[in-house]
Amino acid sequence: TVEIIENYDFEELISFSETLLSQAIDIDEKRFETHALFGYIKGLQANYKQANKSLDKAKALALTEEQKAFVDNLKEAVKMMQ
């Protein structure tokens, strides 16, 4: 999913990434990375409410300061998209 996000700007691939991340959350809802990337994808899709909700969930699940900083960077990126 990260590879797709970083290297492609096709709506179909972004939607495919959303599907993969949604399935990953269904399998293990306690991984901060999955919620963080899902939030970023939602930002790319201009669904800012869901993006922020997912990023807030990711930050709550983050265990280290590095993980929290990663989420904060994604939150800032989504904010700039608006």
N, C-alpha and C. Protein backbone atom coordinates (compact mmCIF):
# COMPACT_ATOMS: atom_id res chain seq x y z
N THR A 1 0.82 -1.20 0.00
CA THR A 1 0.00 0.00 0.00
C THR A 1 0.86 1.25 0.00
N VAL A 2 1.91 1.26 0.81
CA VAL A 2 2.80 2.43 0.85
C VAL A 2 3.41 2.68 -0.52
N GLU A 3 3.81 1.62 -1.20
CA GLU A 3 4.38 1.73 -2.54
C GLU A 3 3.39 2.40 -3.50
N ILE A 4 2.14 2.00 -3.43
CA ILE A 4 1.10 2.58 -4.29
C ILE A 4 0.92 4.06 -3.97
N ILE A 5 0.82 4.39 -2.68
CA ILE A 5 0.60 5.78 -2.27
C ILE A 5 1.74 6.67 -2.73
N GLU A 6 2.96 6.18 -2.57
CA GLU A 6 4.13 7.01 -2.87
C GLU A 6 4.40 7.15 -4.37
N ASN A 7 4.00 6.18 -5.17
CA ASN A 7 4.44 6.17 -6.56
C ASN A 7 3.36 6.31 -7.61
N TYR A 8 2.10 6.26 -7.22
CA TYR A 8 1.04 6.31 -8.22
C TYR A 8 -0.04 7.30 -7.80
N ASP A 9 -0.62 7.94 -8.78
CA ASP A 9 -1.67 8.90 -8.51
C ASP A 9 -2.95 8.54 -9.27
N PHE A 10 -3.19 7.25 -9.38
CA PHE A 10 -4.38 6.79 -10.08
C PHE A 10 -5.49 6.50 -9.07
N GLU A 11 -6.64 7.04 -9.31
CA GLU A 11 -7.76 6.85 -8.39
C GLU A 11 -8.07 5.38 -8.17
N GLU A 12 -7.94 4.56 -9.20
CA GLU A 12 -8.23 3.13 -9.06
C GLU A 12 -7.26 2.48 -8.07
N LEU A 13 -5.99 2.86 -8.11
CA LEU A 13 -5.01 2.29 -7.20
C LEU A 13 -5.21 2.81 -5.78
N ILE A 14 -5.62 4.04 -5.65
CA ILE A 14 -5.92 4.59 -4.33
C ILE A 14 -7.12 3.85 -3.74
N SER A 15 -8.13 3.60 -4.55
CA SER A 15 -9.30 2.85 -4.08
C SER A 15 -8.92 1.42 -3.71
N PHE A 16 -8.03 0.82 -4.48
CA PHE A 16 -7.55 -0.53 -4.18
C PHE A 16 -6.81 -0.52 -2.84
N SER A 17 -6.00 0.49 -2.61
CA SER A 17 -5.28 0.62 -1.33
C SER A 17 -6.26 0.75 -0.18
N GLU A 18 -7.31 1.53 -0.39
CA GLU A 18 -8.34 1.69 0.64
C GLU A 18 -8.95 0.34 1.00
N THR A 19 -9.23 -0.46 -0.01
CA THR A 19 -9.81 -1.78 0.22
C THR A 19 -8.86 -2.67 1.01
N LEU A 20 -7.58 -2.67 0.62
CA LEU A 20 -6.59 -3.48 1.33
C LEU A 20 -6.47 -3.05 2.79
N LEU A 21 -6.41 -1.75 3.02
CA LEU A 21 -6.26 -1.26 4.38
C LEU A 21 -7.52 -1.53 5.21
N SER A 22 -8.66 -1.41 4.61
CA SER A 22 -9.91 -1.71 5.31
C SER A 22 -9.94 -3.18 5.74
N GLN A 23 -9.51 -4.06 4.86
CA GLN A 23 -9.45 -5.49 5.19
C GLN A 23 -8.42 -5.74 6.29
N ALA A 24 -7.30 -5.05 6.22
CA ALA A 24 -6.26 -5.21 7.25
C ALA A 24 -6.78 -4.76 8.62
N ILE A 25 -7.56 -3.68 8.65
CA ILE A 25 -8.15 -3.21 9.91
C ILE A 25 -9.13 -4.23 10.44
N ASP A 26 -9.90 -4.86 9.55
CA ASP A 26 -10.84 -5.90 9.99
C ASP A 26 -10.10 -7.08 10.61
N ILE A 27 -8.93 -7.39 10.09
CA ILE A 27 -8.14 -8.52 10.60
C ILE A 27 -7.48 -8.18 11.93
N ASP A 28 -6.89 -7.00 12.01
CA ASP A 28 -6.18 -6.58 13.24
C ASP A 28 -6.39 -5.08 13.43
N GLU A 29 -7.34 -4.74 14.25
CA GLU A 29 -7.71 -3.33 14.41
C GLU A 29 -6.81 -2.58 15.39
N LYS A 30 -5.77 -3.21 15.89
CA LYS A 30 -4.93 -2.57 16.90
C LYS A 30 -3.56 -2.13 16.36
N ARG A 31 -3.40 -2.07 15.06
CA ARG A 31 -2.13 -1.65 14.47
C ARG A 31 -2.23 -0.17 14.06
N PHE A 32 -1.39 0.63 14.64
CA PHE A 32 -1.44 2.06 14.35
C PHE A 32 -1.14 2.35 12.89
N GLU A 33 -0.22 1.59 12.28
CA GLU A 33 0.19 1.85 10.90
C GLU A 33 -0.99 1.76 9.93
N THR A 34 -1.81 0.75 10.14
CA THR A 34 -2.95 0.54 9.24
C THR A 34 -3.93 1.70 9.34
N HIS A 35 -4.23 2.12 10.53
CA HIS A 35 -5.15 3.25 10.72
C HIS A 35 -4.54 4.54 10.16
N ALA A 36 -3.23 4.70 10.35
CA ALA A 36 -2.56 5.91 9.86
C ALA A 36 -2.62 5.97 8.34
N LEU A 37 -2.28 4.88 7.68
CA LEU A 37 -2.30 4.87 6.22
C LEU A 37 -3.72 4.98 5.68
N PHE A 38 -4.68 4.35 6.36
CA PHE A 38 -6.08 4.47 5.95
C PHE A 38 -6.52 5.93 6.05
N GLY A 39 -6.12 6.59 7.12
CA GLY A 39 -6.44 8.01 7.27
C GLY A 39 -5.86 8.85 6.15
N TYR A 40 -4.62 8.56 5.79
CA TYR A 40 -3.98 9.31 4.70
C TYR A 40 -4.71 9.07 3.38
N ILE A 41 -5.06 7.83 3.11
CA ILE A 41 -5.83 7.50 1.89
C ILE A 41 -7.13 8.28 1.87
N LYS A 42 -7.83 8.31 3.00
CA LYS A 42 -9.09 9.05 3.05
C LYS A 42 -8.86 10.54 2.78
N GLY A 43 -7.73 11.06 3.24
CA GLY A 43 -7.39 12.44 2.92
C GLY A 43 -7.19 12.63 1.44
N LEU A 44 -6.50 11.69 0.80
CA LEU A 44 -6.30 11.77 -0.65
C LEU A 44 -7.63 11.74 -1.39
N GLN A 45 -8.61 11.07 -0.80
CA GLN A 45 -9.93 10.99 -1.40
C GLN A 45 -10.83 12.15 -0.97
N ALA A 46 -10.27 13.10 -0.26
CA ALA A 46 -10.98 14.30 0.21
C ALA A 46 -12.08 13.99 1.22
N ASN A 47 -11.98 12.86 1.90
CA ASN A 47 -12.89 12.53 2.99
C ASN A 47 -12.17 12.88 4.29
N TYR A 48 -12.10 14.17 4.57
CA TYR A 48 -11.28 14.68 5.66
C TYR A 48 -11.80 14.29 7.04
N LYS A 49 -13.10 14.18 7.18
CA LYS A 49 -13.67 13.77 8.46
C LYS A 49 -13.20 12.36 8.81
N GLN A 50 -13.31 11.44 7.87
CA GLN A 50 -12.86 10.06 8.11
C GLN A 50 -11.34 10.01 8.25
N ALA A 51 -10.64 10.83 7.47
CA ALA A 51 -9.18 10.87 7.56
C ALA A 51 -8.75 11.22 8.98
N ASN A 52 -9.33 12.28 9.52
CA ASN A 52 -8.96 12.71 10.86
C ASN A 52 -9.37 11.70 11.93
N LYS A 53 -10.51 11.08 11.74
CA LYS A 53 -10.96 10.05 12.69
C LYS A 53 -9.96 8.88 12.71
N SER A 54 -9.53 8.43 11.53
CA SER A 54 -8.59 7.32 11.45
C SER A 54 -7.21 7.70 11.99
N LEU A 55 -6.80 8.93 11.71
CA LEU A 55 -5.51 9.39 12.22
C LEU A 55 -5.54 9.55 13.73
N ASP A 56 -6.65 9.99 14.28
CA ASP A 56 -6.77 10.06 15.74
C ASP A 56 -6.70 8.67 16.36
N LYS A 57 -7.33 7.70 15.72
CA LYS A 57 -7.28 6.31 16.19
C LYS A 57 -5.84 5.81 16.13
N ALA A 58 -5.14 6.13 15.04
CA ALA A 58 -3.76 5.70 14.89
C ALA A 58 -2.89 6.29 16.00
N LYS A 59 -3.10 7.55 16.30
CA LYS A 59 -2.29 8.19 17.35
C LYS A 59 -2.57 7.56 18.71
N ALA A 60 -3.81 7.21 18.96
CA ALA A 60 -4.17 6.55 20.22
C ALA A 60 -3.50 5.19 20.34
N LEU A 61 -3.28 4.51 19.21
CA LEU A 61 -2.65 3.20 19.21
C LEU A 61 -1.13 3.26 19.17
N ALA A 62 -0.59 4.41 18.81
CA ALA A 62 0.87 4.55 18.70
C ALA A 62 1.51 4.36 20.07
N LEU A 63 2.63 3.64 20.08
CA LEU A 63 3.30 3.32 21.35
C LEU A 63 4.54 4.17 21.60
N THR A 64 5.18 4.62 20.54
CA THR A 64 6.42 5.36 20.71
C THR A 64 6.25 6.80 20.22
N GLU A 65 7.18 7.64 20.61
CA GLU A 65 7.15 9.03 20.14
C GLU A 65 7.36 9.08 18.63
N GLU A 66 8.17 8.18 18.11
CA GLU A 66 8.38 8.13 16.65
C GLU A 66 7.09 7.82 15.92
N GLN A 67 6.32 6.88 16.43
CA GLN A 67 5.04 6.53 15.82
C GLN A 67 4.07 7.71 15.91
N LYS A 68 4.05 8.37 17.05
CA LYS A 68 3.17 9.53 17.21
C LYS A 68 3.57 10.66 16.26
N ALA A 69 4.87 10.85 16.07
CA ALA A 69 5.35 11.87 15.14
C ALA A 69 4.96 11.53 13.71
N PHE A 70 5.01 10.25 13.35
CA PHE A 70 4.60 9.79 12.03
C PHE A 70 3.13 10.17 11.78
N VAL A 71 2.29 9.89 12.77
CA VAL A 71 0.87 10.23 12.65
C VAL A 71 0.69 11.74 12.55
N ASP A 72 1.41 12.48 13.36
CA ASP A 72 1.32 13.94 13.31
C ASP A 72 1.69 14.48 11.93
N ASN A 73 2.70 13.88 11.31
CA ASN A 73 3.09 14.29 9.95
C ASN A 73 1.98 14.01 8.95
N LEU A 74 1.33 12.87 9.09
CA LEU A 74 0.21 12.56 8.20
C LEU A 74 -0.97 13.50 8.45
N LYS A 75 -1.22 13.83 9.72
CA LYS A 75 -2.30 14.77 10.03
C LYS A 75 -2.01 16.14 9.39
N GLU A 76 -0.77 16.56 9.42
CA GLU A 76 -0.40 17.83 8.80
C GLU A 76 -0.58 17.76 7.29
N ALA A 77 -0.21 16.63 6.68
CA ALA A 77 -0.39 16.46 5.24
C ALA A 77 -1.87 16.54 4.86
N VAL A 78 -2.71 15.88 5.63
CA VAL A 78 -4.16 15.92 5.36
C VAL A 78 -4.68 17.34 5.54
N LYS A 79 -4.21 18.02 6.56
CA LYS A 79 -4.63 19.41 6.78
C LYS A 79 -4.29 20.28 5.58
N MET A 80 -3.12 20.07 5.00
CA MET A 80 -2.70 20.84 3.83
C MET A 80 -3.52 20.50 2.58
N MET A 81 -4.10 19.31 2.54
CA MET A 81 -4.93 18.90 1.40
C MET A 81 -6.25 19.67 1.37
N GLN A 82 -6.70 20.12 2.52
CA GLN A 82 -8.02 20.73 2.62
C GLN A 82 -8.06 22.04 1.93
